[in-house]
PDB file of N, CA and C in Angstrom:
ATOM      1  N   MET A   1     -26.315 -34.161  -2.331  1.00  0.00           N
ATOM      2  CA  MET A   1     -27.443 -33.630  -1.620  1.00  0.00           C
ATOM      3  C   MET A   1     -26.982 -32.378  -0.875  1.00  0.00           C
ATOM      4  N   LYS A   2     -27.657 -31.303  -1.028  1.00  0.00           N
ATOM      5  CA  LYS A   2     -27.352 -30.014  -0.425  1.00  0.00           C
ATOM      6  C   LYS A   2     -28.105 -29.911   0.902  1.00  0.00           C
ATOM      7  N   LYS A   3     -27.337 -29.422   1.884  1.00  0.00           N
ATOM      8  CA  LYS A   3     -28.022 -29.172   3.202  1.00  0.00           C
ATOM      9  C   LYS A   3     -28.699 -27.835   3.136  1.00  0.00           C
ATOM     10  N   LYS A   4     -29.949 -27.847   3.674  1.00  0.00           N
ATOM     11  CA  LYS A   4     -30.777 -26.631   3.565  1.00  0.00           C
ATOM     12  C   LYS A   4     -30.956 -25.859   4.834  1.00  0.00           C
ATOM     13  N   ALA A   5     -30.778 -26.505   5.993  1.00  0.00           N
ATOM     14  CA  ALA A   5     -31.040 -25.860   7.293  1.00  0.00           C
ATOM     15  C   ALA A   5     -30.020 -26.393   8.302  1.00  0.00           C
ATOM     16  N   GLY A   6     -29.831 -25.627   9.332  1.00  0.00           N
ATOM     17  CA  GLY A   6     -28.967 -26.000  10.467  1.00  0.00           C
ATOM     18  C   GLY A   6     -27.540 -25.538  10.269  1.00  0.00           C
ATOM     19  N   PRO A   7     -26.685 -25.854  11.229  1.00  0.00           N
ATOM     20  CA  PRO A   7     -25.296 -25.353  11.150  1.00  0.00           C
ATOM     21  C   PRO A   7     -24.535 -26.020  10.023  1.00  0.00           C
ATOM     22  N   GLU A   8     -23.417 -25.376   9.724  1.00  0.00           N
ATOM     23  CA  GLU A   8     -22.536 -25.986   8.714  1.00  0.00           C
ATOM     24  C   GLU A   8     -21.976 -27.353   9.184  1.00  0.00           C
ATOM     25  N   LEU A   9     -21.769 -28.308   8.256  1.00  0.00           N
ATOM     26  CA  LEU A   9     -21.247 -29.589   8.612  1.00  0.00           C
ATOM     27  C   LEU A   9     -19.722 -29.510   8.918  1.00  0.00           C
ATOM     28  N   ALA A  10     -19.062 -28.583   8.232  1.00  0.00           N
ATOM     29  CA  ALA A  10     -17.570 -28.422   8.436  1.00  0.00           C
ATOM     30  C   ALA A  10     -17.288 -26.883   8.483  1.00  0.00           C
ATOM     31  N   PRO A  11     -16.400 -26.515   9.389  1.00  0.00           N
ATOM     32  CA  PRO A  11     -16.075 -25.061   9.486  1.00  0.00           C
ATOM     33  C   PRO A  11     -15.432 -24.598   8.202  1.00  0.00           C
ATOM     34  N   LYS A  12     -15.764 -23.359   7.709  1.00  0.00           N
ATOM     35  CA  LYS A  12     -15.131 -22.814   6.553  1.00  0.00           C
ATOM     36  C   LYS A  12     -13.827 -22.169   6.929  1.00  0.00           C
ATOM     37  N   ARG A  13     -12.853 -22.125   5.987  1.00  0.00           N
ATOM     38  CA  ARG A  13     -11.652 -21.377   6.194  1.00  0.00           C
ATOM     39  C   ARG A  13     -11.975 -19.889   5.998  1.00  0.00           C
ATOM     40  N   LEU A  14     -11.498 -19.134   6.924  1.00  0.00           N
ATOM     41  CA  LEU A  14     -11.752 -17.742   6.886  1.00  0.00           C
ATOM     42  C   LEU A  14     -10.747 -17.035   5.969  1.00  0.00           C
ATOM     43  N   GLU A  15     -11.162 -16.068   5.235  1.00  0.00           N
ATOM     44  CA  GLU A  15     -10.299 -15.295   4.398  1.00  0.00           C
ATOM     45  C   GLU A  15      -9.699 -14.188   5.276  1.00  0.00           C
ATOM     46  N   THR A  16      -8.456 -14.310   5.706  1.00  0.00           N
ATOM     47  CA  THR A  16      -7.835 -13.315   6.559  1.00  0.00           C
ATOM     48  C   THR A  16      -6.583 -12.791   5.946  1.00  0.00           C
ATOM     49  N   THR A  17      -6.084 -11.675   6.436  1.00  0.00           N
ATOM     50  CA  THR A  17      -4.876 -11.095   5.956  1.00  0.00           C
ATOM     51  C   THR A  17      -3.992 -10.796   7.222  1.00  0.00           C
ATOM     52  N   PRO A  18      -2.687 -10.736   7.078  1.00  0.00           N
ATOM     53  CA  PRO A  18      -1.820 -10.437   8.222  1.00  0.00           C
ATOM     54  C   PRO A  18      -2.099  -8.984   8.685  1.00  0.00           C
ATOM     55  N   CYS A  19      -1.923  -8.765   9.926  1.00  0.00           N
ATOM     56  CA  CYS A  19      -2.120  -7.447  10.491  1.00  0.00           C
ATOM     57  C   CYS A  19      -0.963  -6.554   9.987  1.00  0.00           C
ATOM     58  N   PRO A  20      -1.256  -5.366   9.388  1.00  0.00           N
ATOM     59  CA  PRO A  20      -0.164  -4.555   8.819  1.00  0.00           C
ATOM     60  C   PRO A  20       0.700  -3.894   9.961  1.00  0.00           C
ATOM     61  N   ASP A  21       0.164  -3.843  11.176  1.00  0.00           N
ATOM     62  CA  ASP A  21       0.847  -3.147  12.212  1.00  0.00           C
ATOM     63  C   ASP A  21       1.872  -4.086  12.927  1.00  0.00           C
ATOM     64  N   CYS A  22       1.477  -5.353  13.161  1.00  0.00           N
ATOM     65  CA  CYS A  22       2.309  -6.205  14.008  1.00  0.00           C
ATOM     66  C   CYS A  22       2.790  -7.468  13.299  1.00  0.00           C
ATOM     67  N   HIS A  23       2.025  -8.025  12.368  1.00  0.00           N
ATOM     68  CA  HIS A  23       2.311  -9.275  11.621  1.00  0.00           C
ATOM     69  C   HIS A  23       2.322 -10.464  12.502  1.00  0.00           C
ATOM     70  N   ARG A  24       2.328 -10.358  13.862  1.00  0.00           N
ATOM     71  CA  ARG A  24       2.376 -11.563  14.740  1.00  0.00           C
ATOM     72  C   ARG A  24       1.468 -11.498  15.882  1.00  0.00           C
ATOM     73  N   GLY A  25       0.760 -10.429  16.118  1.00  0.00           N
ATOM     74  CA  GLY A  25      -0.178 -10.373  17.202  1.00  0.00           C
ATOM     75  C   GLY A  25       0.369  -9.494  18.421  1.00  0.00           C
ATOM     76  N   PHE A  26       1.684  -9.290  18.489  1.00  0.00           N
ATOM     77  CA  PHE A  26       2.232  -8.506  19.568  1.00  0.00           C
ATOM     78  C   PHE A  26       3.162  -7.403  19.058  1.00  0.00           C
ATOM     79  N   ILE A  27       3.150  -6.336  19.818  1.00  0.00           N
ATOM     80  CA  ILE A  27       4.045  -5.199  19.550  1.00  0.00           C
ATOM     81  C   ILE A  27       5.164  -5.227  20.525  1.00  0.00           C
ATOM     82  N   ARG A  28       6.353  -5.086  20.138  1.00  0.00           N
ATOM     83  CA  ARG A  28       7.461  -5.063  21.053  1.00  0.00           C
ATOM     84  C   ARG A  28       7.907  -3.670  21.256  1.00  0.00           C
ATOM     85  N   GLY A  29       7.832  -3.209  22.483  1.00  0.00           N
ATOM     86  CA  GLY A  29       8.376  -1.897  22.921  1.00  0.00           C
ATOM     87  C   GLY A  29       9.807  -2.077  23.357  1.00  0.00           C
ATOM     88  N   VAL A  30      10.345  -1.016  23.949  1.00  0.00           N
ATOM     89  CA  VAL A  30      11.737  -1.102  24.397  1.00  0.00           C
ATOM     90  C   VAL A  30      11.845  -1.993  25.570  1.00  0.00           C
ATOM     91  N   PHE A  31      10.891  -1.855  26.501  1.00  0.00           N
ATOM     92  CA  PHE A  31      10.985  -2.646  27.736  1.00  0.00           C
ATOM     93  C   PHE A  31       9.805  -3.639  27.928  1.00  0.00           C
ATOM     94  N   HIS A  32       8.936  -3.733  27.015  1.00  0.00           N
ATOM     95  CA  HIS A  32       7.766  -4.550  27.145  1.00  0.00           C
ATOM     96  C   HIS A  32       7.224  -5.096  25.805  1.00  0.00           C
ATOM     97  N   THR A  33       6.419  -6.148  25.924  1.00  0.00           N
ATOM     98  CA  THR A  33       5.746  -6.700  24.729  1.00  0.00           C
ATOM     99  C   THR A  33       4.250  -6.754  25.170  1.00  0.00           C
ATOM    100  N   MET A  34       3.405  -6.243  24.214  1.00  0.00           N
ATOM    101  CA  MET A  34       2.006  -6.183  24.565  1.00  0.00           C
ATOM    102  C   MET A  34       1.161  -6.478  23.287  1.00  0.00           C
ATOM    103  N   PRO A  35      -0.082  -6.883  23.466  1.00  0.00           N
ATOM    104  CA  PRO A  35      -0.937  -7.220  22.302  1.00  0.00           C
ATOM    105  C   PRO A  35      -1.141  -6.034  21.405  1.00  0.00           C
ATOM    106  N   CYS A  36      -1.287  -6.335  20.106  1.00  0.00           N
ATOM    107  CA  CYS A  36      -1.490  -5.259  19.173  1.00  0.00           C
ATOM    108  C   CYS A  36      -2.843  -4.649  19.303  1.00  0.00           C
ATOM    109  N   PHE A  37      -2.982  -3.350  19.189  1.00  0.00           N
ATOM    110  CA  PHE A  37      -4.260  -2.649  19.291  1.00  0.00           C
ATOM    111  C   PHE A  37      -5.162  -2.830  18.068  1.00  0.00           C
ATOM    112  N   THR A  38      -4.560  -3.157  16.944  1.00  0.00           N
ATOM    113  CA  THR A  38      -5.295  -3.307  15.725  1.00  0.00           C
ATOM    114  C   THR A  38      -6.026  -4.628  15.630  1.00  0.00           C
ATOM    115  N   CYS A  39      -5.317  -5.706  15.907  1.00  0.00           N
ATOM    116  CA  CYS A  39      -5.876  -6.989  15.791  1.00  0.00           C
ATOM    117  C   CYS A  39      -6.179  -7.650  17.105  1.00  0.00           C
ATOM    118  N   PHE A  40      -5.923  -6.992  18.182  1.00  0.00           N
ATOM    119  CA  PHE A  40      -6.193  -7.500  19.547  1.00  0.00           C
ATOM    120  C   PHE A  40      -5.425  -8.795  19.821  1.00  0.00           C
ATOM    121  N   GLY A  41      -4.227  -8.936  19.327  1.00  0.00           N
ATOM    122  CA  GLY A  41      -3.322 -10.030  19.671  1.00  0.00           C
ATOM    123  C   GLY A  41      -3.510 -11.295  18.825  1.00  0.00           C
ATOM    124  N   VAL A  42      -4.355 -11.245  17.770  1.00  0.00           N
ATOM    125  CA  VAL A  42      -4.577 -12.438  16.911  1.00  0.00           C
ATOM    126  C   VAL A  42      -3.517 -12.442  15.805  1.00  0.00           C
ATOM    127  N   GLY A  43      -3.151 -11.279  15.237  1.00  0.00           N
ATOM    128  CA  GLY A  43      -2.160 -11.216  14.226  1.00  0.00           C
ATOM    129  C   GLY A  43      -2.764 -11.330  12.803  1.00  0.00           C
ATOM    130  N   ARG A  44      -4.130 -11.507  12.758  1.00  0.00           N
ATOM    131  CA  ARG A  44      -4.856 -11.608  11.451  1.00  0.00           C
ATOM    132  C   ARG A  44      -6.032 -10.644  11.488  1.00  0.00           C
ATOM    133  N   LEU A  45      -6.438 -10.133  10.313  1.00  0.00           N
ATOM    134  CA  LEU A  45      -7.617  -9.293  10.128  1.00  0.00           C
ATOM    135  C   LEU A  45      -8.531  -9.832   9.123  1.00  0.00           C
ATOM    136  N   GLN A  46      -9.840  -9.658   9.323  1.00  0.00           N
ATOM    137  CA  GLN A  46     -10.820 -10.120   8.323  1.00  0.00           C
ATOM    138  C   GLN A  46     -11.521  -8.868   7.766  1.00  0.00           C
ATOM    139  N   ASP A  47     -11.267  -8.593   6.521  1.00  0.00           N
ATOM    140  CA  ASP A  47     -11.834  -7.419   5.870  1.00  0.00           C
ATOM    141  C   ASP A  47     -11.427  -6.122   6.601  1.00  0.00           C
ATOM    142  N   GLY A  48     -10.210  -6.044   7.047  1.00  0.00           N
ATOM    143  CA  GLY A  48      -9.697  -4.857   7.723  1.00  0.00           C
ATOM    144  C   GLY A  48     -10.116  -4.701   9.168  1.00  0.00           C
ATOM    145  N   ALA A  49     -10.944  -5.638   9.701  1.00  0.00           N
ATOM    146  CA  ALA A  49     -11.373  -5.529  11.116  1.00  0.00           C
ATOM    147  C   ALA A  49     -10.847  -6.736  11.912  1.00  0.00           C
ATOM    148  N   PRO A  50     -10.670  -6.574  13.185  1.00  0.00           N
ATOM    149  CA  PRO A  50     -10.202  -7.706  14.022  1.00  0.00           C
ATOM    150  C   PRO A  50     -11.252  -8.850  13.983  1.00  0.00           C
ATOM    151  N   LEU A  51     -10.741 -10.085  14.180  1.00  0.00           N
ATOM    152  CA  LEU A  51     -11.657 -11.285  14.178  1.00  0.00           C
ATOM    153  C   LEU A  51     -12.475 -11.273  15.430  1.00  0.00           C
ATOM    154  N   LYS A  52     -13.667 -11.923  15.334  1.00  0.00           N
ATOM    155  CA  LYS A  52     -14.408 -12.158  16.512  1.00  0.00           C
ATOM    156  C   LYS A  52     -13.775 -13.327  17.295  1.00  0.00           C
ATOM    157  N   ASP A  53     -14.091 -13.386  18.580  1.00  0.00           N
ATOM    158  CA  ASP A  53     -13.464 -14.381  19.426  1.00  0.00           C
ATOM    159  C   ASP A  53     -13.759 -15.796  18.883  1.00  0.00           C
ATOM    160  N   ASP A  54     -14.922 -16.104  18.510  1.00  0.00           N
ATOM    161  CA  ASP A  54     -15.247 -17.397  17.996  1.00  0.00           C
ATOM    162  C   ASP A  54     -14.547 -17.711  16.709  1.00  0.00           C
ATOM    163  N   ASP A  55     -14.407 -16.754  15.840  1.00  0.00           N
ATOM    164  CA  ASP A  55     -13.651 -16.957  14.578  1.00  0.00           C
ATOM    165  C   ASP A  55     -12.184 -17.182  14.876  1.00  0.00           C
ATOM    166  N   ALA A  56     -11.641 -16.433  15.831  1.00  0.00           N
ATOM    167  CA  ALA A  56     -10.232 -16.592  16.175  1.00  0.00           C
ATOM    168  C   ALA A  56      -9.917 -17.990  16.715  1.00  0.00           C
ATOM    169  N   LYS A  57     -10.863 -18.520  17.541  1.00  0.00           N
ATOM    170  CA  LYS A  57     -10.691 -19.830  18.081  1.00  0.00           C
ATOM    171  C   LYS A  57     -10.710 -20.894  16.986  1.00  0.00           C
ATOM    172  N   VAL A  58     -11.628 -20.778  16.031  1.00  0.00           N
ATOM    173  CA  VAL A  58     -11.695 -21.705  14.914  1.00  0.00           C
ATOM    174  C   VAL A  58     -10.399 -21.635  14.084  1.00  0.00           C
ATOM    175  N   LEU A  59      -9.994 -20.417  13.776  1.00  0.00           N
ATOM    176  CA  LEU A  59      -8.724 -20.226  12.993  1.00  0.00           C
ATOM    177  C   LEU A  59      -7.517 -20.803  13.735  1.00  0.00           C
ATOM    178  N   LEU A  60      -7.430 -20.674  15.057  1.00  0.00           N
ATOM    179  CA  LEU A  60      -6.369 -21.210  15.837  1.00  0.00           C
ATOM    180  C   LEU A  60      -6.389 -22.712  15.767  1.00  0.00           C
ATOM    181  N   ARG A  61      -7.606 -23.346  15.925  1.00  0.00           N
ATOM    182  CA  ARG A  61      -7.729 -24.770  15.967  1.00  0.00           C
ATOM    183  C   ARG A  61      -7.408 -25.338  14.625  1.00  0.00           C
ATOM    184  N   MET A  62      -7.738 -24.721  13.535  1.00  0.00           N
ATOM    185  CA  MET A  62      -7.433 -25.155  12.189  1.00  0.00           C
ATOM    186  C   MET A  62      -5.883 -25.135  11.944  1.00  0.00           C
ATOM    187  N   ALA A  63      -5.319 -24.068  12.413  1.00  0.00           N
ATOM    188  CA  ALA A  63      -3.853 -23.920  12.257  1.00  0.00           C
ATOM    189  C   ALA A  63      -3.119 -25.027  13.017  1.00  0.00           C
ATOM    190  N   CYS A  64      -3.605 -25.366  14.282  1.00  0.00           N
ATOM    191  CA  CYS A  64      -2.984 -26.396  15.081  1.00  0.00           C
ATOM    192  C   CYS A  64      -3.160 -27.723  14.425  1.00  0.00           C
ATOM    193  N   ASN A  65      -4.347 -27.950  13.921  1.00  0.00           N
ATOM    194  CA  ASN A  65      -4.610 -29.257  13.179  1.00  0.00           C
ATOM    195  C   ASN A  65      -3.698 -29.446  11.942  1.00  0.00           C
ATOM    196  N   ASP A  66      -3.575 -28.332  11.204  1.00  0.00           N
ATOM    197  CA  ASP A  66      -2.678 -28.408  10.063  1.00  0.00           C
ATOM    198  C   ASP A  66      -1.207 -28.735  10.444  1.00  0.00           C
ATOM    199  N   LEU A  67      -0.811 -28.088  11.523  1.00  0.00           N
ATOM    200  CA  LEU A  67       0.612 -28.357  11.959  1.00  0.00           C
ATOM    201  C   LEU A  67       0.759 -29.753  12.488  1.00  0.00           C
ATOM    202  N   GLN A  68      -0.269 -30.281  13.217  1.00  0.00           N
ATOM    203  CA  GLN A  68      -0.213 -31.683  13.659  1.00  0.00           C
ATOM    204  C   GLN A  68      -0.137 -32.643  12.513  1.00  0.00           C
ATOM    205  N   ASP A  69      -0.962 -32.347  11.470  1.00  0.00           N
ATOM    206  CA  ASP A  69      -0.967 -33.206  10.301  1.00  0.00           C
ATOM    207  C   ASP A  69       0.373 -33.218   9.619  1.00  0.00           C
ATOM    208  N   GLU A  70       0.992 -32.028   9.484  1.00  0.00           N
ATOM    209  CA  GLU A  70       2.338 -31.898   8.903  1.00  0.00           C
ATOM    210  C   GLU A  70       3.415 -32.668   9.721  1.00  0.00           C
ATOM    211  N   ASN A  71       3.224 -32.542  11.081  1.00  0.00           N
ATOM    212  CA  ASN A  71       4.155 -33.269  11.984  1.00  0.00           C
ATOM    213  C   ASN A  71       4.025 -34.746  11.740  1.00  0.00           C
ATOM    214  N   ARG A  72       2.815 -35.289  11.681  1.00  0.00           N
ATOM    215  CA  ARG A  72       2.645 -36.680  11.504  1.00  0.00           C
ATOM    216  C   ARG A  72       3.217 -37.147  10.157  1.00  0.00           C
ATOM    217  N   GLN A  73       3.056 -36.368   9.111  1.00  0.00           N
ATOM    218  CA  GLN A  73       3.533 -36.702   7.779  1.00  0.00           C
ATOM    219  C   GLN A  73       5.103 -36.728   7.865  1.00  0.00           C
ATOM    220  N   LEU A  74       5.707 -35.812   8.474  1.00  0.00           N
ATOM    221  CA  LEU A  74       7.214 -35.799   8.560  1.00  0.00           C
ATOM    222  C   LEU A  74       7.671 -36.963   9.382  1.00  0.00           C
ATOM    223  N   ARG A  75       7.001 -37.275  10.455  1.00  0.00           N
ATOM    224  CA  ARG A  75       7.429 -38.483  11.317  1.00  0.00           C
ATOM    225  C   ARG A  75       7.275 -39.727  10.467  1.00  0.00           C
ATOM    226  N   ARG A  76       6.255 -39.836   9.670  1.00  0.00           N
ATOM    227  CA  ARG A  76       6.090 -41.024   8.821  1.00  0.00           C
ATOM    228  C   ARG A  76       7.178 -41.100   7.781  1.00  0.00           C
ATOM    229  N   GLN A  77       7.616 -39.957   7.203  1.00  0.00           N
ATOM    230  CA  GLN A  77       8.656 -39.954   6.225  1.00  0.00           C
ATOM    231  C   GLN A  77       9.996 -40.356   6.940  1.00  0.00           C
ATOM    232  N   ILE A  78      10.198 -39.911   8.184  1.00  0.00           N
ATOM    233  CA  ILE A  78      11.436 -40.290   8.850  1.00  0.00           C
ATOM    234  C   ILE A  78      11.421 -41.798   9.099  1.00  0.00           C
ATOM    235  N   ALA A  79      10.307 -42.333   9.545  1.00  0.00           N
ATOM    236  CA  ALA A  79      10.210 -43.780   9.814  1.00  0.00           C
ATOM    237  C   ALA A  79      10.463 -44.567   8.498  1.00  0.00           C
ATOM    238  N   GLU A  80      10.000 -44.135   7.418  1.00  0.00           N
ATOM    239  CA  GLU A  80      10.240 -44.822   6.127  1.00  0.00           C
ATOM    240  C   GLU A  80      11.679 -44.752   5.729  1.00  0.00           C
ATOM    241  N   LEU A  81      12.328 -43.605   5.960  1.00  0.00           N
ATOM    242  CA  LEU A  81      13.756 -43.496   5.757  1.00  0.00           C
ATOM    243  C   LEU A  81      14.525 -44.487   6.630  1.00  0.00           C
ATOM    244  N   LYS A  82      14.207 -44.516   7.876  1.00  0.00           N
ATOM    245  CA  LYS A  82      14.909 -45.445   8.788  1.00  0.00           C
ATOM    246  C   LYS A  82      14.775 -46.911   8.366  1.00  0.00           C
ATOM    247  N   SER A  83      13.548 -47.332   8.033  1.00  0.00           N
ATOM    248  CA  SER A  83      13.296 -48.747   7.659  1.00  0.00           C
ATOM    249  C   SER A  83      13.825 -49.034   6.285  1.00  0.00           C
ATOM    250  N   GLY A  84      13.884 -48.116   5.390  1.00  0.00           N
ATOM    251  CA  GLY A  84      14.370 -48.376   4.015  1.00  0.00           C
ATOM    252  C   GLY A  84      15.867 -48.404   3.822  1.00  0.00           C
ATOM    253  N   GLU A  85      16.611 -48.055   4.805  1.00  0.00           N
ATOM    254  CA  GLU A  85      18.017 -47.982   4.713  1.00  0.00           C
ATOM    255  C   GLU A  85      18.736 -49.379   4.752  1.00  0.00           C
ATOM    256  N   ALA A  86      18.002 -50.388   5.181  1.00  0.00           N
ATOM    257  CA  ALA A  86      18.498 -51.766   5.258  1.00  0.00           C
ATOM    258  C   ALA A  86      19.781 -51.851   6.094  1.00  0.00           C
ATOM    259  N   GLY A  87      19.793 -51.292   7.259  1.00  0.00           N
ATOM    260  CA  GLY A  87      20.935 -51.370   8.161  1.00  0.00           C
ATOM    261  C   GLY A  87      21.912 -50.259   7.990  1.00  0.00           C
ATOM    262  N   ARG A  88      21.806 -49.399   7.032  1.00  0.00           N
ATOM    263  CA  ARG A  88      22.750 -48.325   6.916  1.00  0.00           C
ATOM    264  C   ARG A  88      22.473 -47.291   7.943  1.00  0.00           C
ATOM    265  N   GLY A  89      23.520 -46.664   8.415  1.00  0.00           N
ATOM    266  CA  GLY A  89      23.286 -45.568   9.394  1.00  0.00           C
ATOM    267  C   GLY A  89      23.176 -44.205   8.773  1.00  0.00           C
ATOM    268  N   TYR A  90      23.290 -43.252   9.638  1.00  0.00           N
ATOM    269  CA  TYR A  90      23.091 -41.825   9.168  1.00  0.00           C
ATOM    270  C   TYR A  90      24.416 -41.030   9.118  1.00  0.00           C
ATOM    271  N   GLY A  91      25.490 -41.679   9.481  1.00  0.00           N
ATOM    272  CA  GLY A  91      26.825 -40.975   9.494  1.00  0.00           C
ATOM    273  C   GLY A  91      27.420 -40.890   8.133  1.00  0.00           C
ATOM    274  N   ALA A  92      28.659 -40.445   8.056  1.00  0.00           N
ATOM    275  CA  ALA A  92      29.396 -40.310   6.771  1.00  0.00           C
ATOM    276  C   ALA A  92      29.490 -41.640   6.121  1.00  0.00           C
ATOM    277  N   GLY A  93      29.067 -41.760   4.909  1.00  0.00           N
ATOM    278  CA  GLY A  93      29.232 -42.990   4.209  1.00  0.00           C
ATOM    279  C   GLY A  93      28.238 -44.076   4.712  1.00  0.00           C
ATOM    280  N   GLY A  94      27.240 -43.695   5.459  1.00  0.00           N
ATOM    281  CA  GLY A  94      26.233 -44.629   6.021  1.00  0.00           C
ATOM    282  C   GLY A  94      26.747 -45.376   7.226  1.00  0.00           C
ATOM    283  N   SER A  95      27.885 -44.996   7.766  1.00  0.00           N
ATOM    284  CA  SER A  95      28.421 -45.705   8.948  1.00  0.00           C
ATOM    285  C   SER A  95      27.641 -45.204  10.202  1.00  0.00           C
ATOM    286  N   ARG A  96      27.694 -46.134  11.164  1.00  0.00           N
ATOM    287  CA  ARG A  96      27.054 -45.795  12.488  1.00  0.00           C
ATOM    288  C   ARG A  96      28.215 -45.561  13.534  1.00  0.00           C
ATOM    289  N   TYR A  97      28.095 -44.468  14.223  1.00  0.00           N
ATOM    290  CA  TYR A  97      29.124 -44.174  15.244  1.00  0.00           C
ATOM    291  C   TYR A  97      28.607 -44.732  16.559  1.00  0.00           C
ATOM    292  N   HIS A  98      29.414 -45.577  17.200  1.00  0.00           N
ATOM    293  CA  HIS A  98      29.014 -46.181  18.495  1.00  0.00           C
ATOM    294  C   HIS A  98      29.841 -45.660  19.652  1.00  0.00           C
ATOM    295  N   GLY A  99      30.745 -44.787  19.357  1.00  0.00           N
ATOM    296  CA  GLY A  99      31.524 -44.148  20.487  1.00  0.00           C
ATOM    297  C   GLY A  99      32.656 -45.039  20.886  1.00  0.00           C
ATOM    298  N   ASP A 100      33.077 -46.034  20.175  1.00  0.00           N
ATOM    299  CA  ASP A 100      34.156 -46.928  20.494  1.00  0.00           C
ATOM    300  C   ASP A 100      35.476 -46.330  20.100  1.00  0.00           C
TER     301      ASP A 100
END
């Protein structure tokens, strides 16, 4: 079923490119760091123009969500490694160092 009216059900991923002047949103001077004049501190451009504030917020939230999902996945993998070792440690040869 296609939606015909109203707002989008899910936000779209914006097609952006890194800013050619700063690549990170900030320009480092000799004695100071300040926001880039090309991208206004976002670090990304959409069709060669800086992102609108609302688009930048959505892009930032999506990036945070992606990093949180990756963090959860890595924590899950670590937990599986810990439980799957059957008592083996993480030291050399699987030994556990207790400081004795």
